[in-house]
Each structure stands twice: as structure tokens, then as C-alpha cells.
C-alpha atoms as a PDB file:
ATOM      1  CA  UNK A   1     -59.533  46.935 112.680  1.00  0.00           C
ATOM      2  CA  UNK A   2     -55.799  46.438 112.029  1.00  0.00           C
ATOM      3  CA  UNK A   3     -55.995  49.036 109.256  1.00  0.00           C
ATOM      4  CA  UNK A   4     -57.737  51.410 111.666  1.00  0.00           C
ATOM      5  CA  UNK A   5     -54.941  51.000 114.239  1.00  0.00           C
ATOM      6  CA  UNK A   6     -52.240  51.519 111.607  1.00  0.00           C
ATOM      7  CA  UNK A   7     -53.956  54.670 110.378  1.00  0.00           C
ATOM      8  CA  UNK A   8     -54.299  56.007 113.936  1.00  0.00           C
ATOM      9  CA  UNK A   9     -50.634  55.316 114.700  1.00  0.00           C
ATOM     10  CA  UNK A  10     -49.612  57.076 111.492  1.00  0.00           C
ATOM     11  CA  UNK A  11     -51.538  60.163 112.569  1.00  0.00           C
ATOM     12  CA  UNK A  12     -49.892  60.022 115.998  1.00  0.00           C
ATOM     13  CA  UNK A  13     -46.443  59.973 114.377  1.00  0.00           C
ATOM     14  CA  UNK A  14     -47.397  63.092 112.430  1.00  0.00           C
ATOM     15  CA  UNK A  15     -48.125  65.080 115.596  1.00  0.00           C
ATOM     16  CA  UNK A  16     -44.869  67.107 115.478  1.00  0.00           C
ATOM     17  CA  UNK A  17     -45.442  67.964 111.814  1.00  0.00           C
ATOM     18  CA  UNK A  18     -49.024  69.000 112.412  1.00  0.00           C
ATOM     19  CA  UNK A  19     -48.056  71.233 115.285  1.00  0.00           C
ATOM     20  CA  UNK A  20     -45.583  73.177 113.152  1.00  0.00           C
ATOM     21  CA  UNK A  21     -48.351  74.862 111.168  1.00  0.00           C
ATOM     22  CA  UNK A  22     -50.357  76.018 114.188  1.00  0.00           C
ATOM     23  CA  UNK A  23     -48.868  79.532 114.085  1.00  0.00           C
ATOM     24  CA  UNK A  24     -49.791  79.937 110.438  1.00  0.00           C
ATOM     25  CA  UNK A  25     -53.135  78.212 110.039  1.00  0.00           C
ATOM     26  CA  UNK A  26     -53.564  78.954 106.335  1.00  0.00           C
ATOM     27  CA  UNK A  27     -50.207  78.487 104.598  1.00  0.00           C
ATOM     28  CA  UNK A  28     -52.037  76.900 101.655  1.00  0.00           C
ATOM     29  CA  UNK A  29     -54.342  79.868 101.114  1.00  0.00           C
ATOM     30  CA  UNK A  30     -53.675  80.110  97.390  1.00  0.00           C
ATOM     31  CA  UNK A  31     -54.644  76.495  96.781  1.00  0.00           C
ATOM     32  CA  UNK A  32     -57.514  76.701  99.268  1.00  0.00           C
ATOM     33  CA  UNK A  33     -59.043  79.709  97.541  1.00  0.00           C
ATOM     34  CA  UNK A  34     -58.888  77.861  94.241  1.00  0.00           C
ATOM     35  CA  UNK A  35     -60.705  74.855  95.704  1.00  0.00           C
ATOM     36  CA  UNK A  36     -63.175  77.181  97.416  1.00  0.00           C
ATOM     37  CA  UNK A  37     -64.004  78.766  94.047  1.00  0.00           C
ATOM     38  CA  UNK A  38     -64.314  75.316  92.468  1.00  0.00           C
ATOM     39  CA  UNK A  39     -66.715  74.231  95.216  1.00  0.00           C
ATOM     40  CA  UNK A  40     -68.806  77.346  94.666  1.00  0.00           C
ATOM     41  CA  UNK A  41     -69.100  76.638  90.938  1.00  0.00           C
ATOM     42  CA  UNK A  42     -70.038  72.982  91.490  1.00  0.00           C
ATOM     43  CA  UNK A  43     -72.491  73.895  94.219  1.00  0.00           C
ATOM     44  CA  UNK A  44     -74.219  76.607  92.202  1.00  0.00           C
ATOM     45  CA  UNK A  45     -74.379  74.492  89.047  1.00  0.00           C
ATOM     46  CA  UNK A  46     -75.226  71.062  90.460  1.00  0.00           C
ATOM     47  CA  UNK A  47     -75.543  70.541  94.202  1.00  0.00           C
ATOM     48  CA  UNK A  48     -77.839  73.423  95.092  1.00  0.00           C
ATOM     49  CA  UNK A  49     -80.293  72.779  92.211  1.00  0.00           C
ATOM     50  CA  UNK A  50     -80.397  69.067  93.087  1.00  0.00           C
ATOM     51  CA  UNK A  51     -81.030  69.876  96.747  1.00  0.00           C
ATOM     52  CA  UNK A  52     -83.819  72.288  95.815  1.00  0.00           C
ATOM     53  CA  UNK A  53     -85.394  69.666  93.570  1.00  0.00           C
ATOM     54  CA  UNK A  54     -85.137  67.107  96.360  1.00  0.00           C
ATOM     55  CA  UNK A  55     -87.004  69.384  98.755  1.00  0.00           C
ATOM     56  CA  UNK A  56     -89.556  70.316  96.109  1.00  0.00           C
ATOM     57  CA  UNK A  57     -90.441  66.705  95.269  1.00  0.00           C
ATOM     58  CA  UNK A  58     -90.503  65.071  98.692  1.00  0.00           C
ATOM     59  CA  UNK A  59     -92.999  66.017 101.413  1.00  0.00           C
ATOM     60  CA  UNK A  60     -91.592  67.595 104.559  1.00  0.00           C
ATOM     61  CA  UNK A  61     -92.205  64.541 106.738  1.00  0.00           C
ATOM     62  CA  UNK A  62     -90.217  62.350 104.335  1.00  0.00           C
ATOM     63  CA  UNK A  63     -87.313  64.809 104.231  1.00  0.00           C
ATOM     64  CA  UNK A  64     -87.294  64.973 108.021  1.00  0.00           C
ATOM     65  CA  UNK A  65     -87.381  61.194 108.262  1.00  0.00           C
ATOM     66  CA  UNK A  66     -84.411  60.808 105.921  1.00  0.00           C
ATOM     67  CA  UNK A  67     -82.472  63.438 107.850  1.00  0.00           C
ATOM     68  CA  UNK A  68     -83.260  61.744 111.164  1.00  0.00           C
ATOM     69  CA  UNK A  69     -82.161  58.393 109.732  1.00  0.00           C
ATOM     70  CA  UNK A  70     -78.748  59.712 108.730  1.00  0.00           C
ATOM     71  CA  UNK A  71     -78.372  61.636 111.976  1.00  0.00           C
ATOM     72  CA  UNK A  72     -78.985  58.411 113.863  1.00  0.00           C
ATOM     73  CA  UNK A  73     -76.197  56.711 111.919  1.00  0.00           C
ATOM     74  CA  UNK A  74     -74.000  59.726 112.616  1.00  0.00           C
ATOM     75  CA  UNK A  75     -74.697  59.344 116.334  1.00  0.00           C
ATOM     76  CA  UNK A  76     -72.933  55.964 116.231  1.00  0.00           C
ATOM     77  CA  UNK A  77     -69.739  57.828 115.302  1.00  0.00           C
ATOM     78  CA  UNK A  78     -70.319  60.140 118.255  1.00  0.00           C
ATOM     79  CA  UNK A  79     -70.627  57.199 120.660  1.00  0.00           C
ATOM     80  CA  UNK A  80     -67.350  55.638 119.478  1.00  0.00           C
ATOM     81  CA  UNK A  81     -65.507  58.939 119.808  1.00  0.00           C
ATOM     82  CA  UNK A  82     -67.039  59.471 123.253  1.00  0.00           C
ATOM     83  CA  UNK A  83     -65.328  56.243 124.284  1.00  0.00           C
ATOM     84  CA  UNK A  84     -62.029  57.209 122.626  1.00  0.00           C
ATOM     85  CA  UNK A  85     -62.124  60.475 124.587  1.00  0.00           C
ATOM     86  CA  UNK A  86     -62.965  58.668 127.844  1.00  0.00           C
ATOM     87  CA  UNK A  87     -66.247  60.559 128.187  1.00  0.00           C
ATOM     88  CA  UNK A  88     -68.124  57.821 129.986  1.00  0.00           C
ATOM     89  CA  UNK A  89     -71.276  59.751 130.870  1.00  0.00           C
ATOM     90  CA  UNK A  90     -71.644  61.107 127.352  1.00  0.00           C
ATOM     91  CA  UNK A  91     -71.019  57.653 125.892  1.00  0.00           C
ATOM     92  CA  UNK A  92     -73.835  56.206 128.000  1.00  0.00           C
ATOM     93  CA  UNK A  93     -76.247  59.018 127.124  1.00  0.00           C
ATOM     94  CA  UNK A  94     -75.434  58.944 123.413  1.00  0.00           C
ATOM     95  CA  UNK A  95     -75.690  55.154 123.311  1.00  0.00           C
ATOM     96  CA  UNK A  96     -79.127  55.450 124.883  1.00  0.00           C
ATOM     97  CA  UNK A  97     -80.053  57.960 122.213  1.00  0.00           C
ATOM     98  CA  UNK A  98     -79.065  55.583 119.413  1.00  0.00           C
ATOM     99  CA  UNK A  99     -80.900  52.658 120.994  1.00  0.00           C
ATOM    100  CA  UNK A 100     -84.116  54.625 121.580  1.00  0.00           C
ATOM    101  CA  UNK A 101     -84.175  56.150 118.102  1.00  0.00           C
ATOM    102  CA  UNK A 102     -83.227  52.871 116.407  1.00  0.00           C
ATOM    103  CA  UNK A 103     -86.050  50.953 118.107  1.00  0.00           C
ATOM    104  CA  UNK A 104     -88.906  53.201 119.195  1.00  0.00           C
ATOM    105  CA  UNK A 105     -87.939  55.673 116.467  1.00  0.00           C
ATOM    106  CA  UNK A 106     -88.110  53.002 113.740  1.00  0.00           C
ATOM    107  CA  UNK A 107     -84.465  52.823 112.602  1.00  0.00           C
ATOM    108  CA  UNK A 108     -83.969  56.482 113.439  1.00  0.00           C
ATOM    109  CA  UNK A 109     -86.687  57.838 111.153  1.00  0.00           C
ATOM    110  CA  UNK A 110     -88.244  59.533 114.193  1.00  0.00           C
ATOM    111  CA  UNK A 111     -86.030  61.396 116.657  1.00  0.00           C
ATOM    112  CA  UNK A 112     -87.826  60.163 119.771  1.00  0.00           C
ATOM    113  CA  UNK A 113     -84.894  61.057 122.018  1.00  0.00           C
ATOM    114  CA  UNK A 114     -84.994  64.754 121.103  1.00  0.00           C
ATOM    115  CA  UNK A 115     -88.781  64.797 121.304  1.00  0.00           C
ATOM    116  CA  UNK A 116     -88.393  63.683 124.911  1.00  0.00           C
ATOM    117  CA  UNK A 117     -86.010  66.537 125.678  1.00  0.00           C
ATOM    118  CA  UNK A 118     -82.756  64.719 124.946  1.00  0.00           C
ATOM    119  CA  UNK A 119     -79.747  66.618 123.629  1.00  0.00           C
ATOM    120  CA  UNK A 120     -77.919  65.681 120.459  1.00  0.00           C
ATOM    121  CA  UNK A 121     -74.150  66.007 120.611  1.00  0.00           C
ATOM    122  CA  UNK A 122     -71.445  65.744 118.001  1.00  0.00           C
ATOM    123  CA  UNK A 123     -68.121  64.009 118.409  1.00  0.00           C
ATOM    124  CA  UNK A 124     -65.858  62.965 115.554  1.00  0.00           C
ATOM    125  CA  UNK A 125     -62.355  61.591 115.205  1.00  0.00           C
ATOM    126  CA  UNK A 126     -60.984  65.041 114.423  1.00  0.00           C
ATOM    127  CA  UNK A 127     -62.201  66.135 117.859  1.00  0.00           C
ATOM    128  CA  UNK A 128     -60.724  62.973 119.356  1.00  0.00           C
ATOM    129  CA  UNK A 129     -57.333  63.831 117.865  1.00  0.00           C
ATOM    130  CA  UNK A 130     -57.690  67.304 119.368  1.00  0.00           C
ATOM    131  CA  UNK A 131     -58.516  65.737 122.728  1.00  0.00           C
ATOM    132  CA  UNK A 132     -55.335  63.683 122.406  1.00  0.00           C
ATOM    133  CA  UNK A 133     -53.364  66.907 122.004  1.00  0.00           C
ATOM    134  CA  UNK A 134     -52.930  67.041 118.235  1.00  0.00           C
ATOM    135  CA  UNK A 135     -53.138  70.563 116.833  1.00  0.00           C
ATOM    136  CA  UNK A 136     -55.276  71.709 113.913  1.00  0.00           C
ATOM    137  CA  UNK A 137     -52.439  71.840 111.433  1.00  0.00           C
ATOM    138  CA  UNK A 138     -52.863  73.728 108.185  1.00  0.00           C
ATOM    139  CA  UNK A 139     -56.326  74.901 107.193  1.00  0.00           C
ATOM    140  CA  UNK A 140     -57.661  72.989 104.192  1.00  0.00           C
ATOM    141  CA  UNK A 141     -60.598  73.379 101.840  1.00  0.00           C
ATOM    142  CA  UNK A 142     -61.604  69.934 100.609  1.00  0.00           C
ATOM    143  CA  UNK A 143     -63.196  69.489  97.154  1.00  0.00           C
ATOM    144  CA  UNK A 144     -66.985  69.043  97.395  1.00  0.00           C
ATOM    145  CA  UNK A 145     -66.829  69.063 101.215  1.00  0.00           C
ATOM    146  CA  UNK A 146     -65.564  72.467 102.274  1.00  0.00           C
ATOM    147  CA  UNK A 147     -63.569  73.773 105.245  1.00  0.00           C
ATOM    148  CA  UNK A 148     -61.330  71.422 107.193  1.00  0.00           C
ATOM    149  CA  UNK A 149     -57.810  71.164 108.600  1.00  0.00           C
ATOM    150  CA  UNK A 150     -55.021  68.621 108.315  1.00  0.00           C
ATOM    151  CA  UNK A 151     -56.184  67.069 111.587  1.00  0.00           C
ATOM    152  CA  UNK A 152     -59.890  67.153 110.765  1.00  0.00           C
ATOM    153  CA  UNK A 153     -59.259  65.801 107.279  1.00  0.00           C
ATOM    154  CA  UNK A 154     -57.447  62.814 108.761  1.00  0.00           C
ATOM    155  CA  UNK A 155     -60.283  62.413 111.229  1.00  0.00           C
ATOM    156  CA  UNK A 156     -62.821  62.494 108.418  1.00  0.00           C
ATOM    157  CA  UNK A 157     -61.088  59.559 106.737  1.00  0.00           C
ATOM    158  CA  UNK A 158     -61.262  57.501 109.937  1.00  0.00           C
ATOM    159  CA  UNK A 159     -64.902  58.407 110.559  1.00  0.00           C
ATOM    160  CA  UNK A 160     -65.941  57.674 106.978  1.00  0.00           C
ATOM    161  CA  UNK A 161     -64.011  54.462 106.340  1.00  0.00           C
ATOM    162  CA  UNK A 162     -63.982  52.833 109.760  1.00  0.00           C
ATOM    163  CA  UNK A 163     -66.563  54.295 112.147  1.00  0.00           C
ATOM    164  CA  UNK A 164     -69.530  55.084 109.895  1.00  0.00           C
ATOM    165  CA  UNK A 165     -72.025  52.168 109.740  1.00  0.00           C
ATOM    166  CA  UNK A 166     -72.603  52.955 106.052  1.00  0.00           C
ATOM    167  CA  UNK A 167     -69.052  51.854 105.238  1.00  0.00           C
ATOM    168  CA  UNK A 168     -69.967  48.308 106.304  1.00  0.00           C
ATOM    169  CA  UNK A 169     -72.655  47.838 103.656  1.00  0.00           C
ATOM    170  CA  UNK A 170     -71.220  45.004 101.563  1.00  0.00           C
ATOM    171  CA  UNK A 171     -72.907  45.790  98.259  1.00  0.00           C
ATOM    172  CA  UNK A 172     -70.906  48.599  96.649  1.00  0.00           C
ATOM    173  CA  UNK A 173     -73.790  49.899  94.553  1.00  0.00           C
ATOM    174  CA  UNK A 174     -76.125  50.088  97.539  1.00  0.00           C
ATOM    175  CA  UNK A 175     -73.444  51.725  99.665  1.00  0.00           C
ATOM    176  CA  UNK A 176     -72.802  54.371  97.014  1.00  0.00           C
ATOM    177  CA  UNK A 177     -76.519  55.071  96.632  1.00  0.00           C
ATOM    178  CA  UNK A 178     -76.856  55.539 100.385  1.00  0.00           C
ATOM    179  CA  UNK A 179     -73.886  57.923 100.319  1.00  0.00           C
ATOM    180  CA  UNK A 180     -75.333  59.966  97.469  1.00  0.00           C
ATOM    181  CA  UNK A 181     -78.675  60.352  99.235  1.00  0.00           C
ATOM    182  CA  UNK A 182     -76.834  61.325 102.406  1.00  0.00           C
ATOM    183  CA  UNK A 183     -74.925  64.032 100.548  1.00  0.00           C
ATOM    184  CA  UNK A 184     -78.130  65.393  99.008  1.00  0.00           C
ATOM    185  CA  UNK A 185     -79.751  65.414 102.440  1.00  0.00           C
ATOM    186  CA  UNK A 186     -76.782  67.310 103.861  1.00  0.00           C
ATOM    187  CA  UNK A 187     -76.956  69.963 101.155  1.00  0.00           C
ATOM    188  CA  UNK A 188     -80.731  70.289 101.436  1.00  0.00           C
ATOM    189  CA  UNK A 189     -80.378  71.025 105.145  1.00  0.00           C
ATOM    190  CA  UNK A 190     -78.167  74.011 104.336  1.00  0.00           C
ATOM    191  CA  UNK A 191     -80.309  75.648 101.664  1.00  0.00           C
ATOM    192  CA  UNK A 192     -81.496  78.346 104.040  1.00  0.00           C
ATOM    193  CA  UNK A 193     -77.883  79.353 104.762  1.00  0.00           C
ATOM    194  CA  UNK A 194     -76.803  79.666 101.131  1.00  0.00           C
ATOM    195  CA  UNK A 195     -76.382  83.446 101.214  1.00  0.00           C
ATOM    196  CA  UNK A 196     -75.004  83.744 104.758  1.00  0.00           C
ATOM    197  CA  UNK A 197     -71.356  84.012 103.761  1.00  0.00           C
ATOM    198  CA  UNK A 198     -71.948  86.485 100.947  1.00  0.00           C
ATOM    199  CA  UNK A 199     -74.044  88.730 103.188  1.00  0.00           C
ATOM    200  CA  UNK A 200     -71.799  88.415 106.221  1.00  0.00           C
ATOM    201  CA  UNK A 201     -68.433  89.467 104.859  1.00  0.00           C
ATOM    202  CA  UNK A 202     -66.633  91.183 102.015  1.00  0.00           C
ATOM    203  CA  UNK A 203     -64.360  88.124 101.952  1.00  0.00           C
ATOM    204  CA  UNK A 204     -66.557  85.011 102.348  1.00  0.00           C
ATOM    205  CA  UNK A 205     -63.522  82.723 102.173  1.00  0.00           C
ATOM    206  CA  UNK A 206     -61.796  84.370 105.153  1.00  0.00           C
ATOM    207  CA  UNK A 207     -65.063  84.569 107.079  1.00  0.00           C
ATOM    208  CA  UNK A 208     -65.705  80.860 106.558  1.00  0.00           C
ATOM    209  CA  UNK A 209     -62.149  79.934 107.510  1.00  0.00           C
ATOM    210  CA  UNK A 210     -62.117  81.935 110.744  1.00  0.00           C
ATOM    211  CA  UNK A 211     -65.597  80.786 111.731  1.00  0.00           C
ATOM    212  CA  UNK A 212     -64.735  77.150 111.074  1.00  0.00           C
ATOM    213  CA  UNK A 213     -61.513  77.238 113.087  1.00  0.00           C
ATOM    214  CA  UNK A 214     -63.247  78.844 116.077  1.00  0.00           C
ATOM    215  CA  UNK A 215     -66.154  76.432 115.749  1.00  0.00           C
ATOM    216  CA  UNK A 216     -63.862  73.413 115.798  1.00  0.00           C
ATOM    217  CA  UNK A 217     -61.876  74.776 118.723  1.00  0.00           C
ATOM    218  CA  UNK A 218     -65.110  75.171 120.665  1.00  0.00           C
ATOM    219  CA  UNK A 219     -66.096  71.562 119.936  1.00  0.00           C
ATOM    220  CA  UNK A 220     -62.714  70.171 120.977  1.00  0.00           C
ATOM    221  CA  UNK A 221     -62.884  72.165 124.219  1.00  0.00           C
ATOM    222  CA  UNK A 222     -66.469  71.014 124.857  1.00  0.00           C
ATOM    223  CA  UNK A 223     -67.783  74.550 124.722  1.00  0.00           C
ATOM    224  CA  UNK A 224     -71.483  74.851 124.015  1.00  0.00           C
ATOM    225  CA  UNK A 225     -71.904  76.383 120.587  1.00  0.00           C
ATOM    226  CA  UNK A 226     -74.908  77.541 118.575  1.00  0.00           C
ATOM    227  CA  UNK A 227     -72.940  76.846 115.388  1.00  0.00           C
ATOM    228  CA  UNK A 228     -73.169  73.066 115.532  1.00  0.00           C
ATOM    229  CA  UNK A 229     -74.458  71.516 112.356  1.00  0.00           C
ATOM    230  CA  UNK A 230     -74.295  67.760 112.059  1.00  0.00           C
ATOM    231  CA  UNK A 231     -73.989  67.912 108.294  1.00  0.00           C
ATOM    232  CA  UNK A 232     -71.145  68.758 105.964  1.00  0.00           C
ATOM    233  CA  UNK A 233     -71.667  70.527 102.654  1.00  0.00           C
ATOM    234  CA  UNK A 234     -69.823  72.051  99.741  1.00  0.00           C
ATOM    235  CA  UNK A 235     -70.723  75.488 101.044  1.00  0.00           C
ATOM    236  CA  UNK A 236     -70.086  75.257 104.767  1.00  0.00           C
ATOM    237  CA  UNK A 237     -69.513  72.923 107.648  1.00  0.00           C
ATOM    238  CA  UNK A 238     -71.379  75.081 110.080  1.00  0.00           C
ATOM    239  CA  UNK A 239     -74.643  76.920 110.448  1.00  0.00           C
ATOM    240  CA  UNK A 240     -74.187  80.350 112.056  1.00  0.00           C
ATOM    241  CA  UNK A 241     -76.426  81.352 114.913  1.00  0.00           C
ATOM    242  CA  UNK A 242     -77.482  85.000 114.684  1.00  0.00           C
ATOM    243  CA  UNK A 243     -78.309  86.948 117.827  1.00  0.00           C
ATOM    244  CA  UNK A 244     -81.512  88.970 117.818  1.00  0.00           C
ATOM    245  CA  UNK A 245     -79.846  92.379 117.606  1.00  0.00           C
ATOM    246  CA  UNK A 246     -80.027  95.287 115.146  1.00  0.00           C
ATOM    247  CA  UNK A 247     -77.908  94.759 112.074  1.00  0.00           C
ATOM    248  CA  UNK A 248     -75.774  97.867 111.857  1.00  0.00           C
ATOM    249  CA  UNK A 249     -72.604  96.779 110.105  1.00  0.00           C
ATOM    250  CA  UNK A 250     -70.829  93.969 108.341  1.00  0.00           C
ATOM    251  CA  UNK A 251     -69.085  91.503 110.650  1.00  0.00           C
ATOM    252  CA  UNK A 252     -65.343  91.219 110.978  1.00  0.00           C
ATOM    253  CA  UNK A 253     -65.084  88.373 113.439  1.00  0.00           C
ATOM    254  CA  UNK A 254     -66.787  85.549 115.244  1.00  0.00           C
ATOM    255  CA  UNK A 255     -66.443  85.572 119.015  1.00  0.00           C
ATOM    256  CA  UNK A 256     -66.541  82.796 121.560  1.00  0.00           C
ATOM    257  CA  UNK A 257     -67.371  83.731 125.123  1.00  0.00           C
ATOM    258  CA  UNK A 258     -65.154  82.311 127.842  1.00  0.00           C
ATOM    259  CA  UNK A 259     -66.571  79.507 130.006  1.00  0.00           C
ATOM    260  CA  UNK A 260     -67.802  80.418 133.473  1.00  0.00           C
ATOM    261  CA  UNK A 261     -68.462  78.352 136.572  1.00  0.00           C
ATOM    262  CA  UNK A 262     -72.222  78.811 136.552  1.00  0.00           C
ATOM    263  CA  UNK A 263     -73.096  79.088 132.879  1.00  0.00           C
ATOM    264  CA  UNK A 264     -72.084  77.149 129.796  1.00  0.00           C
ATOM    265  CA  UNK A 265     -69.990  79.143 127.366  1.00  0.00           C
ATOM    266  CA  UNK A 266     -71.430  79.956 123.993  1.00  0.00           C
ATOM    267  CA  UNK A 267     -69.950  80.511 120.575  1.00  0.00           C
ATOM    268  CA  UNK A 268     -71.802  83.120 118.564  1.00  0.00           C
ATOM    269  CA  UNK A 269     -71.436  84.430 115.076  1.00  0.00           C
ATOM    270  CA  UNK A 270     -71.865  88.161 115.500  1.00  0.00           C
ATOM    271  CA  UNK A 271     -73.501  89.972 112.628  1.00  0.00           C
ATOM    272  CA  UNK A 272     -73.239  93.418 114.245  1.00  0.00           C
END
């Protein structure tokens, strides 16, 4: 816990530095494009084939159970960040979700909460830093993971090392095996979106960057978004929602509607 507090204080001291890059969110574009290309090569050569093999070997109910199990662990991170953001009602609801799925849902293998009409939310430490007033900082593409920012990258470290229940598995070999299966599960969940970026834009890198930044802004501002995906992957950290409209042209932007008093705002990836 002392290490967690030291890490958090270090991030807080970096607030002025992080804010400096807000006006130019991709000053590291050259490096980022190189990492993006590297991720594409690794994904096409290794990660995607492994994910396809995983889905081909296991029955659908087993794949769904594994995904639910990891989502349930991920919900623990959401609960902690609810508390750090002083979102009492959400913390209570999300805690109830974890308890129901961990007991009635047999360690999270069955998403009983969602089956009963419950909503799954995502909160992470990157969002918590945003809630505390820390800006995105420079856009980053992380090896094997994908789009991020200086703030979200720092948040990912906190979530992974301190808030994720998996990090408290004592046996290193077991912990690593659980992580590997989690990563395969994440990638398998995104197989159906593999060609989205290539089809959506003449510059998939720029499309992914702009979509990610708007997606994260929506999450920090508690805007309802159809782009939420609770998994990370080497290809993308989001799953675009496509409106049921005629496809007449290639997209140039992703738009987020402004919040209104009577209706939740929505973030939509426009493909028209």
C-alpha cells in the first residue's frame, strides 16, 4: 500500500508536466506510428492466430465463462476507482454486482447481474486521474497493448500492479498463466473488429488515435458511450458502435453528442 501511495503522489507531482502536452496530443507521433506498426505485425503473426485457435478449440459456453470470470475480476478495479472518485451510488451498485456474480454466478463464470438487467460499468485509475483534474498528456501507443496516453499509461500501471486481484496471486508461474489466458481472452473478444480500422479510414492510426481520445474523454466525463469495451488488445482499446444508416462514404471523425437534461449523451463512431 505504501508503494501505491508513493506512485500516486508521483503522478500528482507530474500534473503540470502532463498538462503541457494537452494542446498537442500526439507529439510522439513518429515513435507511436512505429510501435503501431510493430503491434500490427505481432498481432497478425501471433496474437490473432492464437485467438482464432482459442475460439476454434473451446466451445462457446466455455469462452463466455472465461470472459465473464475475467470481467468479474475487472469489476473489482471499477469498485475501487468508484470509491476514489467519490461515486458512492456507483460503488454500492458495482460492489453488489461483484458479490452476486462471485457467489450466485460461481466465481463470476456466469454474469447473473447482467442477466437480471444490471448494467456493467468501467472505471479505471486513468479515469480517476482525469476526475482529479489531470489531463491526458501525450498520446502513446504501448507495445502489445495499443492506444493510451501518459495519464492512462500511468493509470494502467496502478490498476495492474495494485488494484487487479490477479496481481495478488503469490505463485509467479500461476499468476503469469492467468495473465496469458486473460490476454488471449481479450484478443479473442476483438476478432470481429479486426478489419474495422482498415475499412473505416485511409489512415487507421489517426482514426484509432482520435477515436480513443474521444472515447476516454467520454468515460472521464461519465458520458454514456457505445464504444465501451472492457478489454484491451494489441489492435484497439475500443469497439466502435455503428449506427444503422446507409454507408455512403469513408469516415473522417468520431462525434460525441452533448449531454442533455432528459437524455443520456452518447458517443458514436460515425461510418457515414
